[in-house]
Amino acid sequence: MKKQLLFVSVIFISMLSFGQGIVFEHGTWKDVLAKAKQTNKPIFVDIYTTWCGPCKKMSKDIFPLAEVGKVYNADFVCYQIDAEKGEGIDVAKKYEVHSYPTYLFIKADGMLFSRALGSMPAENFIAVAKTAMADLTDPKPIGVWEKEYAEKKTDPAFLLEYMNKRSKLGKSNAQLFDEYLALLPADQRASKEIVEIYQKEGQFLKMNSFAYKNLQDNAVSFFPKVGGYVYIYMSRAIDNSFREAASTKNEALLQQVVEANEKLPQTAARKTKEELYMNYYKRTGDMEKFVSNATAYCESALMNISPDSIARIDKKKLQEFDATPLAGKIDSAQLAQLKEYLAHAERNRYSLALNEVAWGFFEKVTDEKALANAISWSKRSVEIYPENHMYMDTYANLLYKAGRKDEALAKENEALTLAQNAKADTKGYEETIANMKAGKKTWK
């Protein structure tokens, strides 16, 4: 009788698992790898962040669906991990995760065999699982390619195929791309095929790479094929090198970044040197230099233009776009989206920059004069974009930190109302108001 009851229970649990959404494992990454070995199943990993909108949409609307759970629970050990907390930081780094949500498909030995990313409808997400299962039985997995690389690294055809394989797994090909370009004759380094590789690898470039130098040397040849993306790729290389400089506290590399940034054309929306220095010293923890450069950046680049002037620039840019032939060649949905962006591009750029610096001062700075400067920057961001609840929240918090409690409460209540109007999450604003009323700190 007990055996019959046990058998019925197992059947019931199995039926239940197929009638619900994805069942995610709880425990450590080591536990998940162990379960994959035990069950002889590969692992599906949803890598997310708490601030990622598409991640939340997938968790709320797609993962709970029965048809999705039926596929994923049958074929995989399923796991979710936050890329910015605990073990998630190391997992995201190991598997080169750069955007969210990212879906990894991993064997029990830790080998990545398939990858996908982004928010998508249920049918597409089910198709991702089927593609992953097909990749699982690939007769030439990535491990074989890695072993062949040592012998065939001077074969351009092999390198091209190897890069394509790695791209499907979301892996960087920065080194391989440099090696591939170096093997080609100079007159073939701006071909259509090379353009396609830049489109895949542009986000991974660094300033000291052969691929970056190739962009510089062949900018005239590339421009008719990819337009302004020549400078977007160069900007990304500068950004990547900047992050390397900050993480290693390499001021010599920082200076190279500043010099390379200065050589970009104004149309490439290049950063000011004060902005680069500010962000470097913020990341490296040198608060005195951070405050000095942040002040110079805000006063010289952000505060010397009025909200009315910014609005006129946006209006002019939109009018100029409407007068171009391109405006009549885009479908209505894309046209509306592009015009919405152009209508507020300068407003968004200035207000965001001011808010980010002001919030950095709120978090890190206690000096009264510096806080007073940050309050003026935050106030300007609100003047430029008055309906933005996050910017109003920054302004309120700075006022509170400066001891202006009544003004702070009034502005935080405005932020709450703006958030409610925007149908945004209001929990944080409600907690801040409560803390302000109680006289508690709202900063760490």
Protein backbone atom coordinates (compact mmCIF):
# COMPACT_ATOMS: atom_id res chain seq x y z
CA MET A 1 0.00 0.00 0.00
CA LYS A 2 2.81 2.39 0.91
CA LYS A 3 4.56 1.66 -2.40
CA GLN A 4 1.32 2.37 -4.27
CA LEU A 5 0.89 5.66 -2.43
CA LEU A 6 4.50 6.58 -3.18
CA PHE A 7 3.99 5.74 -6.86
CA VAL A 8 0.82 7.85 -6.99
CA SER A 9 2.63 10.74 -5.27
CA VAL A 10 5.46 10.66 -7.78
CA ILE A 11 2.97 10.66 -10.66
CA PHE A 12 1.06 13.55 -9.06
CA ILE A 13 4.22 15.61 -8.55
CA SER A 14 5.29 14.91 -12.12
CA MET A 15 1.90 15.98 -13.45
CA LEU A 16 2.03 19.08 -11.27
CA SER A 17 5.43 20.11 -12.61
CA PHE A 18 4.13 19.85 -16.16
CA GLY A 19 1.11 21.97 -15.31
CA GLN A 20 3.06 24.97 -14.06
CA GLY A 21 5.79 27.26 -15.22
CA ILE A 22 9.53 26.82 -14.93
CA VAL A 23 10.58 25.29 -11.61
CA PHE A 24 13.85 26.93 -10.60
CA GLU A 25 16.31 25.23 -8.29
CA HIS A 26 17.32 26.84 -5.01
CA GLY A 27 20.80 26.49 -3.65
CA THR A 28 24.37 27.21 -4.68
CA TRP A 29 25.86 26.97 -8.14
CA LYS A 30 27.76 23.89 -6.92
CA ASP A 31 24.43 22.30 -5.93
CA VAL A 32 22.99 22.95 -9.38
CA LEU A 33 26.01 21.40 -11.13
CA ALA A 34 25.68 18.37 -8.86
CA LYS A 35 22.00 17.98 -9.68
CA ALA A 36 22.75 18.22 -13.39
CA LYS A 37 25.20 15.32 -13.03
CA GLN A 38 22.73 13.34 -10.94
CA THR A 39 19.83 13.79 -13.37
CA ASN A 40 21.96 13.69 -16.53
CA LYS A 41 20.38 16.94 -17.68
CA PRO A 42 21.99 20.17 -18.93
CA ILE A 43 21.40 23.40 -17.00
CA PHE A 44 19.31 26.39 -18.08
CA VAL A 45 20.42 29.57 -16.29
CA ASP A 46 18.48 32.84 -16.34
CA ILE A 47 20.98 35.58 -15.50
CA TYR A 48 19.19 38.78 -14.47
CA THR A 49 19.58 42.00 -12.50
CA THR A 50 17.09 43.63 -10.15
CA TRP A 51 16.92 46.81 -12.27
CA CYS A 52 16.39 45.06 -15.63
CA GLY A 53 12.89 45.68 -17.04
CA PRO A 54 12.98 42.87 -19.65
CA CYS A 55 14.16 40.47 -16.90
CA LYS A 56 11.12 41.33 -14.79
CA LYS A 57 8.80 40.92 -17.78
CA MET A 58 10.12 37.42 -18.50
CA SER A 59 9.82 36.39 -14.83
CA LYS A 60 6.29 37.78 -14.57
CA ASP A 61 4.78 36.88 -17.94
CA ILE A 62 6.74 34.04 -19.57
CA PHE A 63 8.43 31.80 -17.00
CA PRO A 64 5.13 30.99 -15.17
CA LEU A 65 3.40 29.72 -18.35
CA ALA A 66 2.55 26.00 -18.34
CA GLU A 67 3.67 25.47 -21.95
CA VAL A 68 7.04 27.01 -21.15
CA GLY A 69 7.45 25.01 -17.95
CA LYS A 70 6.60 21.79 -19.76
CA VAL A 71 9.59 22.19 -22.09
CA TYR A 72 12.17 23.63 -19.71
CA ASN A 73 11.38 21.40 -16.71
CA ALA A 74 11.57 18.28 -18.89
CA ASP A 75 14.88 19.08 -20.56
CA PHE A 76 16.87 21.14 -18.07
CA VAL A 77 17.83 21.74 -14.48
CA CYS A 78 16.62 25.35 -14.23
CA TYR A 79 18.31 28.06 -12.20
CA GLN A 80 18.14 31.84 -11.75
CA ILE A 81 20.98 34.00 -10.53
CA ASP A 82 21.48 37.76 -10.01
CA ALA A 83 24.53 38.90 -11.97
CA GLU A 84 25.33 41.58 -9.39
CA LYS A 85 25.11 39.59 -6.16
CA GLY A 86 26.96 36.71 -4.53
CA GLU A 87 27.94 33.85 -6.81
CA GLY A 88 26.16 35.57 -9.70
CA ILE A 89 29.05 38.00 -10.09
CA ASP A 90 31.53 35.17 -10.75
CA VAL A 91 29.11 33.19 -12.95
CA ALA A 92 28.38 36.26 -15.11
CA LYS A 93 32.10 36.99 -15.41
CA LYS A 94 33.03 33.41 -16.26
CA TYR A 95 30.47 33.17 -19.05
CA GLU A 96 31.07 36.73 -20.32
CA VAL A 97 27.57 38.05 -19.66
CA HIS A 98 27.25 41.70 -20.69
CA SER A 99 23.49 42.25 -21.12
CA TYR A 100 20.32 41.11 -19.40
CA PRO A 101 18.48 38.88 -19.36
CA THR A 102 20.99 36.37 -20.69
CA TYR A 103 20.07 32.68 -20.93
CA LEU A 104 22.92 30.21 -20.60
CA PHE A 105 22.77 26.52 -21.41
CA ILE A 106 25.53 24.66 -19.62
CA LYS A 107 26.60 21.04 -19.31
CA ALA A 108 27.09 19.42 -15.91
CA ASP A 109 30.86 19.86 -16.31
CA GLY A 110 30.39 23.64 -16.60
CA MET A 111 30.87 23.82 -20.38
CA LEU A 112 28.67 26.43 -22.10
CA PHE A 113 27.02 25.01 -25.23
CA SER A 114 24.30 27.54 -26.13
CA ARG A 115 23.16 31.07 -25.28
CA ALA A 116 20.31 33.48 -25.95
CA LEU A 117 19.26 36.82 -24.56
CA GLY A 118 16.45 39.33 -24.27
CA SER A 119 12.74 39.46 -23.60
CA MET A 120 10.60 37.49 -26.06
CA PRO A 121 7.18 35.82 -26.53
CA ALA A 122 6.59 32.31 -25.19
CA GLU A 123 6.83 30.62 -28.60
CA ASN A 124 10.23 32.21 -29.23
CA PHE A 125 11.45 31.26 -25.77
CA ILE A 126 10.38 27.65 -26.34
CA ALA A 127 12.25 27.74 -29.66
CA VAL A 128 15.36 28.86 -27.74
CA ALA A 129 15.17 25.67 -25.67
CA LYS A 130 14.86 23.52 -28.79
CA THR A 131 17.82 25.27 -30.39
CA ALA A 132 19.83 24.67 -27.22
CA MET A 133 19.04 20.96 -27.27
CA ALA A 134 20.22 20.82 -30.87
CA ASP A 135 23.43 22.63 -29.87
CA LEU A 136 23.93 20.07 -27.07
CA THR A 137 24.45 17.33 -29.65
CA ASP A 138 26.73 19.43 -31.86
CA PRO A 139 29.39 17.02 -33.20
CA LYS A 140 32.02 19.76 -32.87
CA PRO A 141 31.52 21.53 -29.52
CA ILE A 142 33.50 24.58 -28.48
CA GLY A 143 36.06 22.45 -26.63
CA VAL A 144 37.15 20.83 -29.89
CA TRP A 145 37.51 24.24 -31.56
CA GLU A 146 39.67 25.44 -28.68
CA LYS A 147 42.03 22.49 -29.07
CA GLU A 148 42.29 23.01 -32.86
CA TYR A 149 43.06 26.71 -32.42
CA ALA A 150 46.63 26.07 -31.25
CA GLU A 151 47.41 24.28 -34.55
CA LYS A 152 45.36 26.43 -36.96
CA LYS A 153 45.72 29.97 -35.58
CA THR A 154 47.50 31.10 -38.78
CA ASP A 155 44.68 29.85 -41.03
CA PRO A 156 42.31 32.77 -41.80
CA ALA A 157 39.47 30.45 -42.86
CA PHE A 158 39.66 28.53 -39.57
CA LEU A 159 39.80 31.74 -37.52
CA LEU A 160 36.70 33.05 -39.27
CA GLU A 161 34.73 29.86 -38.51
CA TYR A 162 36.04 29.81 -34.94
CA MET A 163 34.92 33.40 -34.41
CA ASN A 164 31.46 32.58 -35.74
CA LYS A 165 31.19 29.67 -33.31
CA ARG A 166 32.27 31.83 -30.36
CA SER A 167 29.90 34.62 -31.39
CA LYS A 168 26.94 32.24 -31.14
CA LEU A 169 27.98 31.58 -27.54
CA GLY A 170 28.33 35.30 -26.78
CA LYS A 171 32.09 35.07 -26.34
CA SER A 172 34.45 37.93 -27.14
CA ASN A 173 36.63 37.51 -30.21
CA ALA A 174 38.81 40.56 -29.64
CA GLN A 175 42.11 38.67 -29.75
CA LEU A 176 41.03 36.42 -32.62
CA PHE A 177 39.80 39.40 -34.63
CA ASP A 178 43.19 41.09 -34.26
CA GLU A 179 44.93 37.88 -35.37
CA TYR A 180 42.57 37.49 -38.33
CA LEU A 181 43.07 41.09 -39.50
CA ALA A 182 46.85 40.79 -39.22
CA LEU A 183 46.80 37.77 -41.57
CA LEU A 184 44.94 39.70 -44.29
CA PRO A 185 46.53 41.95 -46.92
CA ALA A 186 46.08 45.64 -46.05
CA ASP A 187 43.71 46.24 -48.99
CA GLN A 188 41.27 43.59 -47.64
CA ARG A 189 40.88 45.02 -44.13
CA ALA A 190 37.82 47.16 -44.94
CA SER A 191 35.84 44.59 -46.95
CA LYS A 192 32.16 43.74 -46.52
CA GLU A 193 33.18 40.63 -44.58
CA ILE A 194 35.26 42.72 -42.17
CA VAL A 195 32.36 45.15 -41.70
CA GLU A 196 30.18 42.21 -40.63
CA ILE A 197 32.76 41.20 -38.02
CA TYR A 198 32.90 44.74 -36.65
CA GLN A 199 29.12 44.64 -36.31
CA LYS A 200 29.49 41.55 -34.09
CA GLU A 201 32.68 42.51 -32.27
CA GLY A 202 32.47 46.31 -32.04
CA GLN A 203 31.28 46.19 -28.43
CA PHE A 204 34.42 44.31 -27.34
CA LEU A 205 37.12 46.49 -28.95
CA LYS A 206 39.90 48.15 -26.96
CA MET A 207 42.12 51.06 -27.95
CA ASN A 208 45.35 49.06 -28.02
CA SER A 209 43.93 46.51 -30.48
CA PHE A 210 44.79 45.99 -34.13
CA ALA A 211 41.06 46.23 -34.89
CA TYR A 212 40.92 49.74 -33.38
CA LYS A 213 43.96 50.88 -35.39
CA ASN A 214 42.37 49.38 -38.50
CA LEU A 215 39.29 51.56 -37.94
CA GLN A 216 41.50 54.62 -37.66
CA ASP A 217 43.53 53.73 -40.75
CA ASN A 218 40.48 52.91 -42.89
CA ALA A 219 37.84 55.32 -41.54
CA VAL A 220 37.31 56.83 -45.00
CA SER A 221 36.72 53.38 -46.52
CA PHE A 222 34.47 52.22 -43.69
CA PHE A 223 32.27 55.30 -43.49
CA PRO A 224 30.19 54.68 -46.69
CA LYS A 225 29.48 51.14 -45.45
CA VAL A 226 28.63 51.71 -41.78
CA GLY A 227 28.27 55.51 -41.47
CA GLY A 228 28.61 56.89 -37.97
CA TYR A 229 29.14 53.41 -36.56
CA VAL A 230 32.84 53.89 -37.30
CA TYR A 231 32.96 56.34 -34.42
CA ILE A 232 30.53 54.34 -32.28
CA TYR A 233 32.92 51.37 -32.44
CA MET A 234 35.85 53.66 -31.64
CA SER A 235 33.91 55.18 -28.73
CA ARG A 236 33.17 51.71 -27.37
CA ALA A 237 36.85 50.82 -27.58
CA ILE A 238 37.69 53.97 -25.62
CA ASP A 239 34.99 53.10 -23.04
CA ASN A 240 36.32 49.55 -22.67
CA SER A 241 39.87 50.82 -22.20
CA PHE A 242 38.58 53.38 -19.69
CA ARG A 243 36.97 50.61 -17.63
CA GLU A 244 40.23 48.66 -17.74
CA ALA A 245 42.15 51.74 -16.58
CA ALA A 246 39.74 52.29 -13.68
CA SER A 247 39.67 48.65 -12.58
CA THR A 248 43.48 48.43 -12.57
CA LYS A 249 44.03 52.04 -11.36
CA ASN A 250 46.24 52.65 -14.40
CA GLU A 251 46.60 56.42 -14.81
CA ALA A 252 48.91 56.01 -17.82
CA LEU A 253 46.15 54.15 -19.66
CA LEU A 254 43.67 56.78 -18.49
CA GLN A 255 45.79 59.45 -20.17
CA GLN A 256 45.79 57.43 -23.40
CA VAL A 257 42.00 57.21 -23.13
CA VAL A 258 41.72 60.98 -22.71
CA GLU A 259 43.97 61.60 -25.72
CA ALA A 260 42.08 59.11 -27.92
CA ASN A 261 38.75 60.61 -26.87
CA GLU A 262 39.97 64.09 -27.88
CA LYS A 263 40.65 62.81 -31.41
CA LEU A 264 37.04 61.74 -31.94
CA PRO A 265 34.96 64.23 -33.95
CA GLN A 266 32.43 66.40 -32.10
CA THR A 267 29.64 64.57 -33.94
CA ALA A 268 30.62 61.36 -32.13
CA ALA A 269 29.26 62.81 -28.84
CA ARG A 270 32.70 62.51 -27.31
CA LYS A 271 33.13 62.99 -23.58
CA THR A 272 34.97 65.89 -22.02
CA LYS A 273 38.27 65.17 -20.30
CA GLU A 274 36.76 66.41 -17.02
CA GLU A 275 33.99 63.82 -17.34
CA LEU A 276 36.51 61.04 -17.90
CA TYR A 277 38.68 62.14 -14.97
CA MET A 278 35.58 62.49 -12.77
CA ASN A 279 34.37 58.97 -13.51
CA TYR A 280 37.86 57.53 -13.12
CA TYR A 281 38.38 59.00 -9.65
CA LYS A 282 34.87 58.03 -8.60
CA ARG A 283 35.58 54.43 -9.53
CA THR A 284 39.03 54.38 -7.94
CA GLY A 285 37.78 56.01 -4.73
CA ASP A 286 39.81 59.22 -4.81
CA MET A 287 37.03 61.47 -3.51
CA GLU A 288 39.03 64.71 -3.49
CA LYS A 289 39.88 64.42 -7.19
CA PHE A 290 36.38 63.12 -7.95
CA VAL A 291 34.78 66.21 -6.39
CA SER A 292 37.24 68.55 -8.13
CA ASN A 293 36.73 67.09 -11.60
CA ALA A 294 32.97 66.62 -11.16
CA THR A 295 32.65 70.30 -10.26
CA ALA A 296 34.68 71.33 -13.29
CA TYR A 297 32.65 69.04 -15.54
CA CYS A 298 29.26 70.28 -14.35
CA GLU A 299 30.14 73.96 -14.34
CA SER A 300 31.92 73.96 -17.71
CA ALA A 301 29.89 71.43 -19.70
CA LEU A 302 26.43 71.15 -18.15
CA MET A 303 25.46 74.32 -16.32
CA ASN A 304 26.38 76.82 -19.01
CA ILE A 305 23.23 76.24 -21.05
CA SER A 306 19.68 77.12 -19.99
CA PRO A 307 16.65 74.81 -20.09
CA ASP A 308 15.09 77.07 -22.75
CA SER A 309 18.17 76.75 -24.93
CA ILE A 310 18.11 72.96 -24.59
CA ALA A 311 14.42 72.90 -25.60
CA ARG A 312 15.22 75.04 -28.67
CA ILE A 313 18.03 72.67 -29.70
CA ASP A 314 15.69 69.66 -29.48
CA LYS A 315 13.02 71.49 -31.49
CA LYS A 316 15.54 72.48 -34.16
CA LYS A 317 16.93 68.94 -34.46
CA LEU A 318 13.44 67.54 -34.91
CA GLN A 319 12.63 70.11 -37.59
CA GLU A 320 15.89 69.33 -39.39
CA PHE A 321 15.07 65.62 -39.33
CA ASP A 322 11.55 66.22 -40.70
CA ALA A 323 13.13 68.04 -43.64
CA THR A 324 15.44 65.14 -44.57
CA PRO A 325 14.56 62.49 -47.20
CA LEU A 326 15.09 59.80 -44.53
CA ALA A 327 11.95 60.92 -42.65
CA GLY A 328 9.78 59.73 -45.54
CA LYS A 329 11.48 56.34 -45.92
CA ILE A 330 10.93 54.85 -42.45
CA ASP A 331 7.83 52.88 -41.48
CA SER A 332 5.36 54.70 -39.23
CA ALA A 333 6.21 52.84 -36.01
CA GLN A 334 9.97 53.40 -36.36
CA LEU A 335 9.38 57.00 -37.43
CA ALA A 336 7.31 57.75 -34.33
CA GLN A 337 9.94 56.16 -32.09
CA LEU A 338 12.79 58.07 -33.71
CA LYS A 339 10.93 61.39 -33.55
CA GLU A 340 10.13 60.83 -29.88
CA TYR A 341 13.83 60.31 -29.23
CA LEU A 342 14.91 63.37 -31.24
CA ALA A 343 12.26 65.57 -29.60
CA HIS A 344 13.97 65.14 -26.21
CA ALA A 345 17.52 64.00 -26.98
CA GLU A 346 19.33 67.03 -25.55
CA ARG A 347 16.92 67.27 -22.61
CA ASN A 348 17.58 63.64 -21.72
CA ARG A 349 21.35 63.94 -22.16
CA TYR A 350 21.81 67.03 -19.98
CA SER A 351 19.32 66.08 -17.27
CA LEU A 352 20.69 62.55 -16.95
CA ALA A 353 24.29 63.75 -16.72
CA LEU A 354 23.44 66.32 -14.06
CA ASN A 355 21.40 63.83 -12.05
CA GLU A 356 24.11 61.16 -12.13
CA VAL A 357 26.76 63.52 -10.80
CA ALA A 358 24.39 64.96 -8.18
CA TRP A 359 23.45 61.47 -6.98
CA GLY A 360 27.13 60.53 -6.77
CA PHE A 361 27.67 63.50 -4.45
CA PHE A 362 24.64 62.49 -2.38
CA GLU A 363 26.09 59.01 -1.88
CA LYS A 364 29.74 59.93 -1.30
CA VAL A 365 30.16 63.56 -0.22
CA THR A 366 29.64 65.32 3.13
CA ASP A 367 31.37 68.67 2.52
CA GLU A 368 28.79 71.50 2.76
CA LYS A 369 30.09 73.48 -0.21
CA ALA A 370 30.20 70.37 -2.42
CA LEU A 371 26.63 69.46 -1.37
CA ALA A 372 25.49 72.97 -2.19
CA ASN A 373 26.95 72.59 -5.69
CA ALA A 374 25.25 69.21 -6.09
CA ILE A 375 21.91 70.74 -5.06
CA SER A 376 22.26 73.36 -7.80
CA TRP A 377 23.04 70.65 -10.39
CA SER A 378 20.14 68.52 -9.25
CA LYS A 379 17.81 71.52 -9.32
CA ARG A 380 18.87 72.20 -12.91
CA SER A 381 18.17 68.58 -13.91
CA VAL A 382 14.63 68.98 -12.52
CA GLU A 383 14.19 72.29 -14.35
CA ILE A 384 15.19 70.62 -17.60
CA TYR A 385 13.04 67.51 -17.03
CA PRO A 386 10.43 68.39 -14.37
CA GLU A 387 8.26 65.28 -14.80
CA ASN A 388 11.07 62.83 -14.04
CA HIS A 389 10.37 61.33 -10.59
CA MET A 390 13.91 59.93 -10.18
CA TYR A 391 15.52 63.32 -10.66
CA MET A 392 13.08 64.89 -8.21
CA ASP A 393 13.99 62.16 -5.71
CA THR A 394 17.69 63.02 -6.07
CA TYR A 395 16.92 66.69 -5.44
CA ALA A 396 14.88 65.86 -2.35
CA ASN A 397 17.56 63.59 -0.90
CA LEU A 398 20.28 66.21 -1.38
CA LEU A 399 18.15 68.85 0.34
CA TYR A 400 17.61 66.46 3.22
CA LYS A 401 21.31 65.64 3.53
CA ALA A 402 22.03 69.38 3.62
CA GLY A 403 19.62 69.74 6.57
CA ARG A 404 16.73 71.33 4.64
CA LYS A 405 14.13 68.85 5.90
CA ASP A 406 10.88 70.70 5.08
CA GLU A 407 11.96 71.43 1.50
CA ALA A 408 13.16 67.86 1.14
CA LEU A 409 9.82 66.39 2.27
CA ALA A 410 7.93 68.63 -0.13
CA LYS A 411 10.10 67.56 -3.07
CA GLU A 412 10.00 63.87 -2.10
CA ASN A 413 6.21 64.04 -2.04
CA GLU A 414 6.37 65.56 -5.52
CA ALA A 415 8.59 62.65 -6.59
CA LEU A 416 6.03 60.22 -5.19
CA THR A 417 3.21 61.89 -7.12
CA LEU A 418 5.24 61.89 -10.33
CA ALA A 419 6.01 58.19 -9.84
CA GLN A 420 2.33 57.43 -9.28
CA ASN A 421 1.44 59.34 -12.45
CA ALA A 422 4.05 57.34 -14.36
CA LYS A 423 2.72 54.08 -12.84
CA ALA A 424 6.22 53.39 -11.48
CA ASP A 425 7.16 51.55 -8.29
CA THR A 426 6.58 53.92 -5.36
CA LYS A 427 7.82 51.79 -2.46
CA GLY A 428 11.23 53.47 -2.30
CA TYR A 429 9.72 56.95 -2.24
CA GLU A 430 7.30 56.00 0.52
CA GLU A 431 10.15 54.61 2.61
CA THR A 432 12.23 57.75 2.03
CA ILE A 433 9.35 59.97 3.16
CA ALA A 434 8.94 57.87 6.30
CA ASN A 435 12.67 58.06 7.05
CA MET A 436 12.72 61.83 6.50
CA LYS A 437 9.79 62.33 8.83
CA ALA A 438 11.48 60.16 11.46
CA GLY A 439 14.76 62.06 11.09
CA LYS A 440 16.64 58.97 9.89
CA LYS A 441 19.50 58.99 7.39
CA THR A 442 18.51 58.29 3.78
CA TRP A 443 22.12 57.62 2.72
CA LYS A 444 24.65 54.98 3.71
